[in-house]
Amino acid sequence: MHKYQVGDVVQTRKPHPCGNNTWEVMRTGIDFRIKCQKCGRVLMLPRPKFEKSVKAVISSLKAVLKGPVGSLLGIPLGSGC
């Protein structure tokens, strides 16, 4: 199973020149496409370089999908909407 998925937010070891170090994973595979959470800059990195630069996974799409069905939309279950 793969360690990173599209939609994950990761923290890098070194900050981006804008001062932010959190990135959203937009593409996985041999290359990774990541987007800066502050300025919106998109980078393509080879897998080995990406894996070396990641310090931690801050939020994962897997954790969000485990919640109740309506939790993704912020709708409480049984609200009748």
N, C-alpha and C. Protein backbone atom coordinates (compact mmCIF):
# COMPACT_ATOMS: atom_id res chain seq x y z
N MET A 1 0.84 -1.19 0.00
CA MET A 1 0.00 0.00 0.00
C MET A 1 0.89 1.25 0.00
N HIS A 2 0.43 2.28 -0.67
CA HIS A 2 1.21 3.51 -0.80
C HIS A 2 1.10 4.36 0.46
N LYS A 3 2.17 5.05 0.77
CA LYS A 3 2.24 5.87 1.97
C LYS A 3 1.50 7.20 1.79
N TYR A 4 1.52 7.75 0.60
CA TYR A 4 0.92 9.06 0.33
C TYR A 4 -0.22 8.91 -0.67
N GLN A 5 -1.26 9.74 -0.49
CA GLN A 5 -2.41 9.72 -1.40
C GLN A 5 -2.74 11.14 -1.82
N VAL A 6 -3.45 11.26 -2.93
CA VAL A 6 -3.92 12.56 -3.39
C VAL A 6 -4.84 13.13 -2.32
N GLY A 7 -4.65 14.40 -1.98
CA GLY A 7 -5.45 15.05 -0.95
C GLY A 7 -4.77 15.14 0.40
N ASP A 8 -3.70 14.39 0.60
CA ASP A 8 -2.95 14.47 1.86
C ASP A 8 -2.28 15.84 1.97
N VAL A 9 -2.16 16.33 3.21
CA VAL A 9 -1.40 17.55 3.47
C VAL A 9 -0.15 17.13 4.23
N VAL A 10 1.01 17.51 3.68
CA VAL A 10 2.29 17.10 4.27
C VAL A 10 3.09 18.32 4.71
N GLN A 11 3.95 18.10 5.71
CA GLN A 11 4.85 19.13 6.19
C GLN A 11 6.25 18.79 5.68
N THR A 12 6.95 19.79 5.13
CA THR A 12 8.30 19.55 4.61
C THR A 12 9.35 20.00 5.61
N ARG A 13 10.55 19.48 5.43
CA ARG A 13 11.66 19.82 6.33
C ARG A 13 12.10 21.27 6.19
N LYS A 14 12.14 21.76 4.96
CA LYS A 14 12.54 23.15 4.71
C LYS A 14 11.33 23.94 4.23
N PRO A 15 11.18 25.19 4.67
CA PRO A 15 10.04 25.99 4.22
C PRO A 15 10.21 26.48 2.78
N HIS A 16 9.10 26.74 2.14
CA HIS A 16 9.06 27.36 0.82
C HIS A 16 9.50 28.82 0.98
N PRO A 17 10.00 29.50 -0.05
CA PRO A 17 10.40 30.90 0.08
C PRO A 17 9.28 31.83 0.60
N CYS A 18 8.02 31.44 0.44
CA CYS A 18 6.92 32.26 0.97
C CYS A 18 6.80 32.12 2.49
N GLY A 19 7.53 31.17 3.09
CA GLY A 19 7.53 31.00 4.54
C GLY A 19 6.69 29.82 5.03
N ASN A 20 5.97 29.18 4.14
CA ASN A 20 5.09 28.07 4.51
C ASN A 20 5.80 26.73 4.30
N ASN A 21 5.44 25.73 5.11
CA ASN A 21 6.02 24.40 4.90
C ASN A 21 4.95 23.31 4.85
N THR A 22 3.70 23.69 4.53
CA THR A 22 2.64 22.69 4.35
C THR A 22 2.21 22.67 2.89
N TRP A 23 2.05 21.46 2.37
CA TRP A 23 1.76 21.24 0.96
C TRP A 23 0.65 20.22 0.81
N GLU A 24 -0.18 20.38 -0.22
CA GLU A 24 -1.21 19.41 -0.56
C GLU A 24 -0.70 18.53 -1.69
N VAL A 25 -0.86 17.22 -1.55
CA VAL A 25 -0.45 16.28 -2.59
C VAL A 25 -1.53 16.27 -3.67
N MET A 26 -1.15 16.60 -4.89
CA MET A 26 -2.11 16.66 -6.00
C MET A 26 -1.97 15.47 -6.95
N ARG A 27 -0.80 14.83 -6.98
CA ARG A 27 -0.55 13.69 -7.86
C ARG A 27 0.50 12.81 -7.23
N THR A 28 0.32 11.50 -7.34
CA THR A 28 1.30 10.55 -6.84
C THR A 28 1.73 9.63 -7.97
N GLY A 29 2.80 8.93 -7.76
CA GLY A 29 3.32 8.01 -8.77
C GLY A 29 4.83 8.10 -8.77
N ILE A 30 5.42 8.02 -9.95
CA ILE A 30 6.87 8.18 -10.06
C ILE A 30 7.25 9.61 -9.68
N ASP A 31 6.43 10.56 -10.10
CA ASP A 31 6.60 11.97 -9.74
C ASP A 31 5.44 12.39 -8.84
N PHE A 32 5.69 13.38 -7.99
CA PHE A 32 4.65 13.94 -7.14
C PHE A 32 4.40 15.38 -7.56
N ARG A 33 3.13 15.78 -7.60
CA ARG A 33 2.78 17.18 -7.80
C ARG A 33 2.23 17.66 -6.47
N ILE A 34 2.83 18.73 -5.93
CA ILE A 34 2.39 19.27 -4.65
C ILE A 34 2.09 20.75 -4.80
N LYS A 35 1.16 21.25 -3.96
CA LYS A 35 0.73 22.65 -4.03
C LYS A 35 0.93 23.31 -2.68
N CYS A 36 1.60 24.46 -2.66
CA CYS A 36 1.83 25.20 -1.42
C CYS A 36 0.49 25.68 -0.88
N GLN A 37 0.27 25.49 0.42
CA GLN A 37 -0.99 25.87 1.04
C GLN A 37 -1.12 27.38 1.24
N LYS A 38 -0.02 28.12 1.16
CA LYS A 38 -0.06 29.56 1.38
C LYS A 38 -0.15 30.34 0.07
N CYS A 39 0.79 30.10 -0.84
CA CYS A 39 0.86 30.92 -2.06
C CYS A 39 0.27 30.23 -3.29
N GLY A 40 0.03 28.91 -3.22
CA GLY A 40 -0.58 28.20 -4.34
C GLY A 40 0.40 27.70 -5.40
N ARG A 41 1.69 27.88 -5.18
CA ARG A 41 2.71 27.42 -6.14
C ARG A 41 2.65 25.90 -6.27
N VAL A 42 2.74 25.40 -7.49
CA VAL A 42 2.69 23.96 -7.74
C VAL A 42 4.07 23.49 -8.18
N LEU A 43 4.55 22.40 -7.56
CA LEU A 43 5.85 21.82 -7.89
C LEU A 43 5.70 20.37 -8.30
N MET A 44 6.56 19.93 -9.21
CA MET A 44 6.67 18.52 -9.56
C MET A 44 8.00 18.03 -9.01
N LEU A 45 7.97 16.95 -8.24
CA LEU A 45 9.18 16.39 -7.65
C LEU A 45 9.26 14.90 -7.95
N PRO A 46 10.45 14.38 -8.22
CA PRO A 46 10.61 12.93 -8.33
C PRO A 46 10.35 12.28 -6.97
N ARG A 47 9.85 11.06 -6.98
CA ARG A 47 9.49 10.37 -5.73
C ARG A 47 10.61 10.38 -4.68
N PRO A 48 11.86 10.02 -5.04
CA PRO A 48 12.91 10.00 -4.00
C PRO A 48 13.12 11.36 -3.33
N LYS A 49 13.10 12.43 -4.12
CA LYS A 49 13.30 13.77 -3.56
C LYS A 49 12.11 14.16 -2.68
N PHE A 50 10.89 13.84 -3.12
CA PHE A 50 9.70 14.14 -2.32
C PHE A 50 9.74 13.41 -0.98
N GLU A 51 10.04 12.11 -1.02
CA GLU A 51 10.05 11.32 0.22
C GLU A 51 11.12 11.80 1.20
N LYS A 52 12.25 12.29 0.70
CA LYS A 52 13.29 12.82 1.58
C LYS A 52 12.89 14.16 2.19
N SER A 53 12.10 14.95 1.46
CA SER A 53 11.75 16.29 1.93
C SER A 53 10.57 16.31 2.90
N VAL A 54 9.77 15.24 2.95
CA VAL A 54 8.60 15.21 3.82
C VAL A 54 9.00 14.90 5.25
N LYS A 55 8.52 15.73 6.17
CA LYS A 55 8.78 15.54 7.60
C LYS A 55 7.63 14.77 8.24
N ALA A 56 6.38 15.12 7.89
CA ALA A 56 5.21 14.47 8.50
C ALA A 56 3.99 14.64 7.60
N VAL A 57 3.03 13.72 7.75
CA VAL A 57 1.73 13.85 7.10
C VAL A 57 0.81 14.52 8.11
N ILE A 58 0.34 15.72 7.80
CA ILE A 58 -0.49 16.48 8.74
C ILE A 58 -1.92 15.98 8.73
N SER A 59 -2.50 15.86 7.54
CA SER A 59 -3.85 15.32 7.45
C SER A 59 -3.91 14.39 6.25
N SER A 60 -4.68 13.34 6.41
CA SER A 60 -4.79 12.33 5.38
C SER A 60 -6.23 12.20 4.95
N LEU A 61 -6.46 11.98 3.68
CA LEU A 61 -7.80 11.79 3.16
C LEU A 61 -8.43 10.54 3.75
N LYS A 62 -7.62 9.52 4.07
CA LYS A 62 -8.14 8.29 4.67
C LYS A 62 -8.82 8.58 6.00
N ALA A 63 -8.25 9.46 6.81
CA ALA A 63 -8.82 9.78 8.12
C ALA A 63 -10.14 10.51 7.97
N VAL A 64 -10.27 11.38 6.96
CA VAL A 64 -11.50 12.12 6.74
C VAL A 64 -12.61 11.19 6.28
N LEU A 65 -12.30 10.24 5.41
CA LEU A 65 -13.31 9.35 4.86
C LEU A 65 -13.84 8.34 5.87
N LYS A 66 -13.17 8.14 6.99
CA LYS A 66 -13.63 7.19 7.99
C LYS A 66 -14.79 7.73 8.81
N GLY A 67 -15.04 9.05 8.78
CA GLY A 67 -16.11 9.66 9.56
C GLY A 67 -17.48 9.32 8.99
N PRO A 68 -18.56 9.83 9.62
CA PRO A 68 -19.91 9.60 9.10
C PRO A 68 -20.06 10.17 7.69
N VAL A 69 -21.00 9.65 6.95
CA VAL A 69 -21.18 10.00 5.54
C VAL A 69 -21.36 11.50 5.35
N GLY A 70 -22.18 12.15 6.16
CA GLY A 70 -22.44 13.58 6.01
C GLY A 70 -21.35 14.47 6.54
N SER A 71 -20.36 13.91 7.23
CA SER A 71 -19.33 14.74 7.85
C SER A 71 -18.47 15.46 6.82
N LEU A 72 -18.35 14.91 5.61
CA LEU A 72 -17.55 15.57 4.58
C LEU A 72 -18.16 16.90 4.17
N LEU A 73 -19.48 16.98 4.20
CA LEU A 73 -20.17 18.20 3.80
C LEU A 73 -20.50 19.09 4.99
N GLY A 74 -20.21 18.65 6.19
CA GLY A 74 -20.52 19.42 7.38
C GLY A 74 -21.99 19.36 7.76
N ILE A 75 -22.71 18.38 7.22
CA ILE A 75 -24.13 18.24 7.52
C ILE A 75 -24.29 17.18 8.60
N PRO A 76 -24.88 17.55 9.74
CA PRO A 76 -25.09 16.54 10.78
C PRO A 76 -26.07 15.47 10.30
N LEU A 77 -25.82 14.24 10.68
CA LEU A 77 -26.70 13.15 10.30
C LEU A 77 -28.07 13.34 10.95
N GLY A 78 -29.12 13.05 10.21
CA GLY A 78 -30.47 13.16 10.73
C GLY A 78 -31.00 14.58 10.77
N SER A 79 -30.39 15.50 10.01
CA SER A 79 -30.84 16.89 10.04
C SER A 79 -32.02 17.12 9.11
N GLY A 80 -32.34 16.15 8.26
CA GLY A 80 -33.49 16.27 7.38
C GLY A 80 -33.24 17.12 6.15
N CYS A 81 -32.02 17.45 5.84
CA CYS A 81 -31.71 18.28 4.66
C CYS A 81 -31.67 17.46 3.42
